[in-house]
C-alpha atoms as a PDB file:
ATOM      1  CA  MET A   1       8.806-102.026  -6.662  1.00  0.00           C
ATOM      2  CA  ASN A   2      12.295-100.890  -5.851  1.00  0.00           C
ATOM      3  CA  ASN A   3      12.518 -98.009  -8.393  1.00  0.00           C
ATOM      4  CA  ARG A   4      10.746 -95.211  -6.348  1.00  0.00           C
ATOM      5  CA  ILE A   5      12.276 -91.751  -6.389  1.00  0.00           C
ATOM      6  CA  ASP A   6      11.988 -89.438  -3.471  1.00  0.00           C
ATOM      7  CA  SER A   7      11.619 -86.115  -5.403  1.00  0.00           C
ATOM      8  CA  HIS A   8      12.285 -83.887  -2.482  1.00  0.00           C
ATOM      9  CA  GLN A   9      14.709 -84.111   0.507  1.00  0.00           C
ATOM     10  CA  HIS A  10      17.552 -82.116   2.017  1.00  0.00           C
ATOM     11  CA  PHE A  11      21.066 -82.568   3.404  1.00  0.00           C
ATOM     12  CA  TRP A  12      22.876 -80.270   5.731  1.00  0.00           C
ATOM     13  CA  LYS A  13      25.753 -79.908   8.253  1.00  0.00           C
ATOM     14  CA  PHE A  14      23.834 -78.039  10.905  1.00  0.00           C
ATOM     15  CA  ASP A  15      24.993 -74.421  11.416  1.00  0.00           C
ATOM     16  CA  PRO A  16      22.821 -72.569  13.967  1.00  0.00           C
ATOM     17  CA  ILE A  17      23.484 -69.230  12.347  1.00  0.00           C
ATOM     18  CA  ARG A  18      22.878 -70.142   8.689  1.00  0.00           C
ATOM     19  CA  ASP A  19      20.006 -72.543   9.614  1.00  0.00           C
ATOM     20  CA  SER A  20      18.258 -70.172  12.077  1.00  0.00           C
ATOM     21  CA  TRP A  21      14.948 -71.228  10.514  1.00  0.00           C
ATOM     22  CA  ILE A  22      15.511 -74.575  12.445  1.00  0.00           C
ATOM     23  CA  ASP A  23      14.508 -73.083  15.767  1.00  0.00           C
ATOM     24  CA  ASP A  24      14.180 -74.704  19.234  1.00  0.00           C
ATOM     25  CA  SER A  25      10.712 -76.017  18.339  1.00  0.00           C
ATOM     26  CA  MET A  26      12.608 -78.236  15.788  1.00  0.00           C
ATOM     27  CA  GLN A  27      15.148 -79.662  18.106  1.00  0.00           C
ATOM     28  CA  LYS A  28      14.817 -83.004  16.493  1.00  0.00           C
ATOM     29  CA  ILE A  29      16.489 -81.704  13.273  1.00  0.00           C
ATOM     30  CA  GLN A  30      19.176 -79.478  14.867  1.00  0.00           C
ATOM     31  CA  ARG A  31      21.968 -81.764  13.769  1.00  0.00           C
ATOM     32  CA  ASP A  32      23.734 -83.011  10.630  1.00  0.00           C
ATOM     33  CA  PHE A  33      21.761 -84.948   8.077  1.00  0.00           C
ATOM     34  CA  LEU A  34      23.900 -86.600   5.331  1.00  0.00           C
ATOM     35  CA  PRO A  35      23.538 -89.332   2.648  1.00  0.00           C
ATOM     36  CA  GLU A  36      24.514 -92.134   5.026  1.00  0.00           C
ATOM     37  CA  ASP A  37      21.533 -91.121   7.211  1.00  0.00           C
ATOM     38  CA  LEU A  38      19.082 -91.287   4.369  1.00  0.00           C
ATOM     39  CA  LEU A  39      20.228 -94.386   2.460  1.00  0.00           C
ATOM     40  CA  PRO A  40      18.826 -96.953   4.892  1.00  0.00           C
ATOM     41  CA  LEU A  41      15.461 -95.223   4.881  1.00  0.00           C
ATOM     42  CA  LEU A  42      15.272 -95.263   1.135  1.00  0.00           C
ATOM     43  CA  GLN A  43      16.224 -98.909   1.053  1.00  0.00           C
ATOM     44  CA  GLN A  44      13.655 -99.838   3.749  1.00  0.00           C
ATOM     45  CA  ASN A  45      10.872 -98.118   1.698  1.00  0.00           C
ATOM     46  CA  GLN A  46      11.878 -99.409  -1.788  1.00  0.00           C
ATOM     47  CA  PHE A  47      13.374 -96.191  -3.124  1.00  0.00           C
ATOM     48  CA  SER A  48      16.279 -96.416  -5.568  1.00  0.00           C
ATOM     49  CA  GLY A  49      17.207 -92.760  -5.436  1.00  0.00           C
ATOM     50  CA  CYS A  50      16.348 -89.136  -4.508  1.00  0.00           C
ATOM     51  CA  VAL A  51      16.433 -85.546  -5.571  1.00  0.00           C
ATOM     52  CA  ALA A  52      18.363 -83.324  -3.109  1.00  0.00           C
ATOM     53  CA  VAL A  53      16.926 -79.838  -2.819  1.00  0.00           C
ATOM     54  CA  GLN A  54      18.633 -76.740  -1.531  1.00  0.00           C
ATOM     55  CA  ALA A  55      18.017 -75.706   1.978  1.00  0.00           C
ATOM     56  CA  SER A  56      20.067 -72.525   2.293  1.00  0.00           C
ATOM     57  CA  GLN A  57      20.492 -69.676  -0.321  1.00  0.00           C
ATOM     58  CA  SER A  58      24.066 -69.709  -1.406  1.00  0.00           C
ATOM     59  CA  GLU A  59      26.091 -71.027  -4.309  1.00  0.00           C
ATOM     60  CA  GLU A  60      28.195 -72.915  -1.689  1.00  0.00           C
ATOM     61  CA  GLU A  61      25.018 -74.860  -1.003  1.00  0.00           C
ATOM     62  CA  THR A  62      24.823 -75.839  -4.643  1.00  0.00           C
ATOM     63  CA  HIS A  63      28.420 -76.955  -4.663  1.00  0.00           C
ATOM     64  CA  PHE A  64      27.890 -78.902  -1.418  1.00  0.00           C
ATOM     65  CA  LEU A  65      25.038 -80.846  -3.012  1.00  0.00           C
ATOM     66  CA  VAL A  66      26.936 -81.395  -6.327  1.00  0.00           C
ATOM     67  CA  ASP A  67      29.820 -82.876  -4.150  1.00  0.00           C
ATOM     68  CA  LEU A  68      27.490 -85.206  -2.287  1.00  0.00           C
ATOM     69  CA  ALA A  69      25.878 -86.353  -5.512  1.00  0.00           C
ATOM     70  CA  SER A  70      29.297 -87.184  -7.072  1.00  0.00           C
ATOM     71  CA  LYS A  71      30.033 -89.465  -4.081  1.00  0.00           C
ATOM     72  CA  ASN A  72      26.545 -91.075  -3.796  1.00  0.00           C
ATOM     73  CA  ASP A  73      24.956 -92.451  -6.907  1.00  0.00           C
ATOM     74  CA  PHE A  74      21.487 -92.694  -5.297  1.00  0.00           C
ATOM     75  CA  ILE A  75      21.381 -88.944  -5.372  1.00  0.00           C
ATOM     76  CA  LYS A  76      19.890 -88.756  -9.010  1.00  0.00           C
ATOM     77  CA  GLY A  77      19.650 -85.055  -9.227  1.00  0.00           C
ATOM     78  CA  ILE A  78      19.884 -81.818  -7.283  1.00  0.00           C
ATOM     79  CA  VAL A  79      17.854 -78.594  -7.150  1.00  0.00           C
ATOM     80  CA  GLY A  80      20.356 -75.917  -6.310  1.00  0.00           C
ATOM     81  CA  TRP A  81      20.356 -72.213  -5.518  1.00  0.00           C
ATOM     82  CA  VAL A  82      21.635 -69.392  -7.644  1.00  0.00           C
ATOM     83  CA  ASP A  83      20.667 -65.721  -7.344  1.00  0.00           C
ATOM     84  CA  LEU A  84      18.123 -65.481 -10.104  1.00  0.00           C
ATOM     85  CA  ARG A  85      18.119 -61.718  -9.497  1.00  0.00           C
ATOM     86  CA  ASP A  86      21.746 -61.422 -10.504  1.00  0.00           C
ATOM     87  CA  LYS A  87      22.227 -59.342 -13.623  1.00  0.00           C
ATOM     88  CA  ASN A  88      24.875 -61.881 -14.720  1.00  0.00           C
ATOM     89  CA  ILE A  89      22.463 -64.729 -14.280  1.00  0.00           C
ATOM     90  CA  GLN A  90      23.290 -66.140 -17.695  1.00  0.00           C
ATOM     91  CA  GLU A  91      26.916 -66.392 -16.768  1.00  0.00           C
ATOM     92  CA  ARG A  92      26.107 -68.190 -13.545  1.00  0.00           C
ATOM     93  CA  LEU A  93      23.895 -70.700 -15.185  1.00  0.00           C
ATOM     94  CA  ALA A  94      26.481 -71.331 -17.839  1.00  0.00           C
ATOM     95  CA  HIS A  95      28.967 -71.907 -14.914  1.00  0.00           C
ATOM     96  CA  PHE A  96      26.694 -74.531 -13.386  1.00  0.00           C
ATOM     97  CA  SER A  97      25.669 -76.232 -16.699  1.00  0.00           C
ATOM     98  CA  SER A  98      28.889 -78.386 -16.710  1.00  0.00           C
ATOM     99  CA  GLU A  99      27.477 -80.135 -13.493  1.00  0.00           C
ATOM    100  CA  LYS A 100      25.207 -82.882 -14.806  1.00  0.00           C
ATOM    101  CA  ALA A 101      23.701 -83.501 -11.378  1.00  0.00           C
ATOM    102  CA  ILE A 102      22.062 -80.068 -11.299  1.00  0.00           C
ATOM    103  CA  LYS A 103      18.565 -80.401 -12.658  1.00  0.00           C
ATOM    104  CA  GLY A 104      17.083 -77.141 -11.601  1.00  0.00           C
ATOM    105  CA  PHE A 105      16.974 -74.305  -9.091  1.00  0.00           C
ATOM    106  CA  ARG A 106      14.825 -73.024  -6.218  1.00  0.00           C
ATOM    107  CA  HIS A 107      14.461 -69.783  -4.226  1.00  0.00           C
ATOM    108  CA  VAL A 108      12.862 -69.723  -0.777  1.00  0.00           C
ATOM    109  CA  VAL A 109      10.059 -67.402  -1.912  1.00  0.00           C
ATOM    110  CA  GLN A 110       7.993 -68.265   1.156  1.00  0.00           C
ATOM    111  CA  GLY A 111      10.431 -66.045   3.113  1.00  0.00           C
ATOM    112  CA  GLU A 112      10.055 -63.119   0.669  1.00  0.00           C
ATOM    113  CA  ALA A 113       7.414 -60.447   0.285  1.00  0.00           C
ATOM    114  CA  ASP A 114       4.214 -61.567  -1.371  1.00  0.00           C
ATOM    115  CA  ASP A 115       4.940 -59.601  -4.595  1.00  0.00           C
ATOM    116  CA  PHE A 116       8.475 -61.114  -4.936  1.00  0.00           C
ATOM    117  CA  MET A 117       7.580 -63.206  -7.983  1.00  0.00           C
ATOM    118  CA  PHE A 118       6.547 -60.072  -9.889  1.00  0.00           C
ATOM    119  CA  ARG A 119      10.026 -58.580  -9.551  1.00  0.00           C
ATOM    120  CA  GLU A 120      11.650 -57.840 -12.904  1.00  0.00           C
ATOM    121  CA  ASP A 121      15.118 -59.064 -11.876  1.00  0.00           C
ATOM    122  CA  PHE A 122      13.678 -62.297 -10.525  1.00  0.00           C
ATOM    123  CA  ARG A 123      11.612 -62.845 -13.771  1.00  0.00           C
ATOM    124  CA  ASN A 124      14.682 -62.124 -15.741  1.00  0.00           C
ATOM    125  CA  GLY A 125      16.395 -65.023 -13.985  1.00  0.00           C
ATOM    126  CA  ILE A 126      13.389 -67.293 -14.592  1.00  0.00           C
ATOM    127  CA  SER A 127      13.499 -66.429 -18.331  1.00  0.00           C
ATOM    128  CA  SER A 128      17.046 -67.669 -18.507  1.00  0.00           C
ATOM    129  CA  LEU A 129      16.425 -71.200 -17.092  1.00  0.00           C
ATOM    130  CA  LYS A 130      14.906 -72.772 -20.164  1.00  0.00           C
ATOM    131  CA  GLN A 131      17.849 -72.457 -22.514  1.00  0.00           C
ATOM    132  CA  PHE A 132      19.920 -74.580 -20.029  1.00  0.00           C
ATOM    133  CA  ASN A 133      17.015 -77.065 -19.573  1.00  0.00           C
ATOM    134  CA  TYR A 134      16.650 -76.180 -15.961  1.00  0.00           C
ATOM    135  CA  THR A 135      13.439 -76.669 -13.924  1.00  0.00           C
ATOM    136  CA  TYR A 136      12.154 -74.346 -11.186  1.00  0.00           C
ATOM    137  CA  ASP A 137      10.735 -75.430  -7.822  1.00  0.00           C
ATOM    138  CA  ILE A 138       8.077 -73.026  -6.427  1.00  0.00           C
ATOM    139  CA  LEU A 139       8.393 -72.837  -2.658  1.00  0.00           C
ATOM    140  CA  ILE A 140       5.565 -70.626  -1.349  1.00  0.00           C
ATOM    141  CA  PHE A 141       2.918 -70.276   1.317  1.00  0.00           C
ATOM    142  CA  HIS A 142      -0.655 -70.616  -0.054  1.00  0.00           C
ATOM    143  CA  ARG A 143      -1.223 -66.799   0.168  1.00  0.00           C
ATOM    144  CA  GLN A 144       1.442 -66.464  -2.548  1.00  0.00           C
ATOM    145  CA  LEU A 145      -0.436 -68.698  -5.016  1.00  0.00           C
ATOM    146  CA  THR A 146      -1.960 -65.712  -6.907  1.00  0.00           C
ATOM    147  CA  ALA A 147       1.660 -64.447  -7.737  1.00  0.00           C
ATOM    148  CA  ALA A 148       2.630 -68.002  -8.627  1.00  0.00           C
ATOM    149  CA  VAL A 149      -0.209 -68.325 -11.140  1.00  0.00           C
ATOM    150  CA  ASP A 150       0.920 -65.165 -12.849  1.00  0.00           C
ATOM    151  CA  LEU A 151       4.450 -66.431 -12.955  1.00  0.00           C
ATOM    152  CA  VAL A 152       3.665 -69.811 -14.576  1.00  0.00           C
ATOM    153  CA  LYS A 153       1.291 -68.051 -16.991  1.00  0.00           C
ATOM    154  CA  HIS A 154       4.067 -65.700 -18.005  1.00  0.00           C
ATOM    155  CA  PHE A 155       6.576 -68.507 -18.840  1.00  0.00           C
ATOM    156  CA  PRO A 156       4.504 -71.176 -20.597  1.00  0.00           C
ATOM    157  CA  TYR A 157       7.546 -73.176 -21.808  1.00  0.00           C
ATOM    158  CA  GLN A 158       9.368 -73.304 -18.446  1.00  0.00           C
ATOM    159  CA  PRO A 159       8.769 -76.450 -16.342  1.00  0.00           C
ATOM    160  CA  PHE A 160       7.589 -75.557 -12.880  1.00  0.00           C
ATOM    161  CA  VAL A 161       6.834 -77.784  -9.914  1.00  0.00           C
ATOM    162  CA  ILE A 162       5.048 -76.685  -6.752  1.00  0.00           C
ATOM    163  CA  ASP A 163       6.727 -77.804  -3.529  1.00  0.00           C
ATOM    164  CA  HIS A 164       4.649 -79.062  -0.539  1.00  0.00           C
ATOM    165  CA  ILE A 165       1.326 -78.554  -2.355  1.00  0.00           C
ATOM    166  CA  ALA A 166       1.889 -74.755  -1.773  1.00  0.00           C
ATOM    167  CA  LYS A 167       1.764 -75.085   1.997  1.00  0.00           C
ATOM    168  CA  PRO A 168      -1.849 -74.891   2.997  1.00  0.00           C
ATOM    169  CA  ASP A 169      -2.569 -74.222   6.621  1.00  0.00           C
ATOM    170  CA  ILE A 170      -3.654 -77.712   7.488  1.00  0.00           C
ATOM    171  CA  LYS A 171      -3.529 -77.288  11.312  1.00  0.00           C
ATOM    172  CA  SER A 172      -6.297 -74.660  11.159  1.00  0.00           C
ATOM    173  CA  ASP A 173      -8.353 -76.453   8.517  1.00  0.00           C
ATOM    174  CA  ASP A 174      -8.184 -73.368   6.250  1.00  0.00           C
ATOM    175  CA  ILE A 175      -8.768 -74.856   2.935  1.00  0.00           C
ATOM    176  CA  ILE A 176     -10.814 -72.327   0.896  1.00  0.00           C
ATOM    177  CA  SER A 177      -8.434 -69.808  -0.516  1.00  0.00           C
ATOM    178  CA  TRP A 178      -5.665 -72.437  -1.014  1.00  0.00           C
ATOM    179  CA  LYS A 179      -8.109 -74.544  -2.969  1.00  0.00           C
ATOM    180  CA  LYS A 180      -9.032 -71.677  -5.249  1.00  0.00           C
ATOM    181  CA  GLY A 181      -5.353 -71.095  -5.916  1.00  0.00           C
ATOM    182  CA  ILE A 182      -4.658 -74.792  -6.681  1.00  0.00           C
ATOM    183  CA  GLN A 183      -7.644 -75.037  -9.011  1.00  0.00           C
ATOM    184  CA  GLU A 184      -6.201 -72.044 -10.975  1.00  0.00           C
ATOM    185  CA  ILE A 185      -2.632 -73.048 -11.115  1.00  0.00           C
ATOM    186  CA  ALA A 186      -3.275 -76.729 -11.971  1.00  0.00           C
ATOM    187  CA  LYS A 187      -4.850 -75.553 -15.401  1.00  0.00           C
ATOM    188  CA  TYR A 188      -1.357 -74.744 -16.689  1.00  0.00           C
ATOM    189  CA  GLU A 189       0.288 -77.458 -18.673  1.00  0.00           C
ATOM    190  CA  ASN A 190       3.786 -76.540 -17.437  1.00  0.00           C
ATOM    191  CA  VAL A 191       3.054 -77.034 -13.727  1.00  0.00           C
ATOM    192  CA  SER A 192       3.608 -80.207 -11.717  1.00  0.00           C
ATOM    193  CA  CYS A 193       3.009 -80.647  -7.959  1.00  0.00           C
ATOM    194  CA  LYS A 194       5.006 -82.465  -5.241  1.00  0.00           C
ATOM    195  CA  ILE A 195       2.965 -84.370  -2.689  1.00  0.00           C
ATOM    196  CA  SER A 196       5.374 -83.419   0.104  1.00  0.00           C
ATOM    197  CA  GLY A 197       5.769 -81.360   3.270  1.00  0.00           C
ATOM    198  CA  MET A 198       2.163 -81.857   4.406  1.00  0.00           C
ATOM    199  CA  VAL A 199       2.801 -83.349   7.890  1.00  0.00           C
ATOM    200  CA  THR A 200       4.775 -80.243   8.910  1.00  0.00           C
ATOM    201  CA  GLU A 201       1.819 -78.012   7.986  1.00  0.00           C
ATOM    202  CA  ALA A 202      -0.469 -80.161  10.177  1.00  0.00           C
ATOM    203  CA  ARG A 203      -0.512 -80.339  14.025  1.00  0.00           C
ATOM    204  CA  TRP A 204       2.961 -81.926  14.587  1.00  0.00           C
ATOM    205  CA  ASN A 205       2.206 -84.012  17.638  1.00  0.00           C
ATOM    206  CA  ASN A 206      -1.198 -85.223  16.796  1.00  0.00           C
ATOM    207  CA  TRP A 207      -2.030 -85.169  13.118  1.00  0.00           C
ATOM    208  CA  LYS A 208      -3.677 -88.185  11.486  1.00  0.00           C
ATOM    209  CA  PRO A 209      -4.029 -89.255   7.825  1.00  0.00           C
ATOM    210  CA  SER A 210      -7.704 -88.095   7.850  1.00  0.00           C
ATOM    211  CA  ASP A 211      -6.457 -84.501   8.476  1.00  0.00           C
ATOM    212  CA  LEU A 212      -4.487 -84.652   5.245  1.00  0.00           C
ATOM    213  CA  LYS A 213      -7.199 -86.305   3.166  1.00  0.00           C
ATOM    214  CA  PRO A 214      -9.252 -83.185   2.197  1.00  0.00           C
ATOM    215  CA  TYR A 215      -6.045 -81.566   0.865  1.00  0.00           C
ATOM    216  CA  LEU A 216      -5.000 -84.632  -1.054  1.00  0.00           C
ATOM    217  CA  ASP A 217      -8.529 -84.784  -2.532  1.00  0.00           C
ATOM    218  CA  VAL A 218      -8.158 -81.245  -3.947  1.00  0.00           C
ATOM    219  CA  ILE A 219      -4.704 -82.078  -5.426  1.00  0.00           C
ATOM    220  CA  PHE A 220      -5.933 -85.270  -7.063  1.00  0.00           C
ATOM    221  CA  GLU A 221      -9.147 -83.582  -8.313  1.00  0.00           C
ATOM    222  CA  ASN A 222      -7.136 -80.862  -9.996  1.00  0.00           C
ATOM    223  CA  PHE A 223      -3.859 -82.343 -11.146  1.00  0.00           C
ATOM    224  CA  PRO A 224      -3.647 -85.364 -13.542  1.00  0.00           C
ATOM    225  CA  SER A 225      -1.660 -88.340 -12.333  1.00  0.00           C
ATOM    226  CA  ASN A 226       1.131 -87.446 -14.769  1.00  0.00           C
ATOM    227  CA  LYS A 227       1.799 -84.208 -12.927  1.00  0.00           C
ATOM    228  CA  LEU A 228       2.242 -85.508  -9.393  1.00  0.00           C
ATOM    229  CA  MET A 229       5.273 -86.774  -7.559  1.00  0.00           C
ATOM    230  CA  PHE A 230       6.100 -87.975  -4.066  1.00  0.00           C
ATOM    231  CA  GLY A 231       8.551 -86.089  -1.949  1.00  0.00           C
ATOM    232  CA  SER A 232       9.351 -86.900   1.600  1.00  0.00           C
ATOM    233  CA  ASP A 233      10.742 -83.574   2.741  1.00  0.00           C
ATOM    234  CA  TRP A 234      13.213 -85.487   4.877  1.00  0.00           C
ATOM    235  CA  PRO A 235      14.666 -84.659   7.403  1.00  0.00           C
ATOM    236  CA  VAL A 236      12.242 -81.829   8.058  1.00  0.00           C
ATOM    237  CA  LEU A 237       9.421 -84.389   8.261  1.00  0.00           C
ATOM    238  CA  ASN A 238      11.034 -85.691  11.528  1.00  0.00           C
ATOM    239  CA  VAL A 239       9.497 -82.850  13.592  1.00  0.00           C
ATOM    240  CA  ALA A 240       6.041 -84.275  12.908  1.00  0.00           C
ATOM    241  CA  SER A 241       6.499 -87.908  11.713  1.00  0.00           C
ATOM    242  CA  ASP A 242       9.018 -90.388  10.308  1.00  0.00           C
ATOM    243  CA  TYR A 243       9.969 -91.488   6.818  1.00  0.00           C
ATOM    244  CA  SER A 244       8.038 -94.737   6.707  1.00  0.00           C
ATOM    245  CA  GLU A 245       4.793 -93.090   8.108  1.00  0.00           C
ATOM    246  CA  VAL A 246       4.833 -90.352   5.370  1.00  0.00           C
ATOM    247  CA  VAL A 247       5.297 -92.991   2.648  1.00  0.00           C
ATOM    248  CA  GLU A 248       2.539 -95.249   4.057  1.00  0.00           C
ATOM    249  CA  THR A 249       0.153 -92.332   4.339  1.00  0.00           C
ATOM    250  CA  LEU A 250       0.379 -91.705   0.517  1.00  0.00           C
ATOM    251  CA  GLU A 251       0.483 -95.489  -0.197  1.00  0.00           C
ATOM    252  CA  GLU A 252      -2.877 -95.837   1.514  1.00  0.00           C
ATOM    253  CA  TYR A 253      -4.337 -92.784  -0.209  1.00  0.00           C
ATOM    254  CA  ILE A 254      -3.380 -93.836  -3.693  1.00  0.00           C
ATOM    255  CA  ALA A 255      -4.103 -97.626  -3.195  1.00  0.00           C
ATOM    256  CA  GLN A 256      -7.217 -97.360  -5.345  1.00  0.00           C
ATOM    257  CA  LEU A 257      -5.453 -95.916  -8.366  1.00  0.00           C
ATOM    258  CA  SER A 258      -4.183 -98.101 -11.285  1.00  0.00           C
ATOM    259  CA  THR A 259      -0.701 -99.519 -10.920  1.00  0.00           C
ATOM    260  CA  GLU A 260       0.247 -97.300 -13.914  1.00  0.00           C
ATOM    261  CA  ASP A 261      -0.821 -94.147 -12.130  1.00  0.00           C
ATOM    262  CA  GLN A 262       0.869 -95.173  -8.881  1.00  0.00           C
ATOM    263  CA  ASN A 263       4.046 -95.784 -10.806  1.00  0.00           C
ATOM    264  CA  LYS A 264       3.856 -92.284 -12.279  1.00  0.00           C
ATOM    265  CA  ILE A 265       3.538 -90.757  -8.849  1.00  0.00           C
ATOM    266  CA  TRP A 266       6.332 -92.832  -7.207  1.00  0.00           C
ATOM    267  CA  PHE A 267       8.999 -92.546  -9.910  1.00  0.00           C
ATOM    268  CA  GLU A 268       8.041 -91.874 -13.576  1.00  0.00           C
ATOM    269  CA  ASN A 269       7.068 -88.256 -13.195  1.00  0.00           C
ATOM    270  CA  ALA A 270      10.064 -87.282 -11.142  1.00  0.00           C
ATOM    271  CA  GLY A 271      12.293 -89.001 -13.615  1.00  0.00           C
ATOM    272  CA  SER A 272      10.849 -87.262 -16.658  1.00  0.00           C
ATOM    273  CA  PHE A 273      10.410 -83.781 -14.928  1.00  0.00           C
ATOM    274  CA  TYR A 274      13.988 -83.691 -13.646  1.00  0.00           C
ATOM    275  CA  ASN A 275      15.449 -85.701 -16.560  1.00  0.00           C
ATOM    276  CA  LEU A 276      17.089 -88.143 -14.109  1.00  0.00           C
END
């Protein structure tokens, strides 16, 4: 099976000021990560392509990813950044709409106040995505799930995907409130979920697959198999794991599913969600 799609990874030329979120506890990723670093990992793990997701909040970042995609055909799509709060948002989206590589947008909401997704200017931006056929990636901490539920309910025709299973606090085994939020948001037909970013929410140096299992159980109990997709969150995963280990952990977990369901999770859903 060589047609897997990694629905979530990043590229950057490391800049200590811009990338200040990559602090000294993350020394392993304080360097450049570019397509030539990822390609061998994709090939070793039977992936034919990936979706590159914004890591910094600027239109330059979007152009940087578009440029990489134009030179590397294994980058099947990108999730860029645009200021959704901009009163000229229609104009900005129209500007980007000529770039076929751009499939959707994301804002780092986990770094914003918990009521950010209720803001009128932000919602105005979300309301403009659909006419350009853009998706929206929801990047939040689990405490922001209540606001996310309200958002997806408000825009029933907008395709949303939750990044990193909404970042539960795996290292402290705090599952209860996150689980309630997931049960709620999974009810909405317009919401998918990326199985990604879990190892970095666990104990970096000594997590084991059994730590992730209760969280995966909740995801699989609530989302149907046509709403789930694999994302590596490379290179961020390097602080806690490596590419192959993250892939193998999911392979083992979903081994009991039908081949059809496994194919959905590995490539079909990402392909149809992002129109790759």
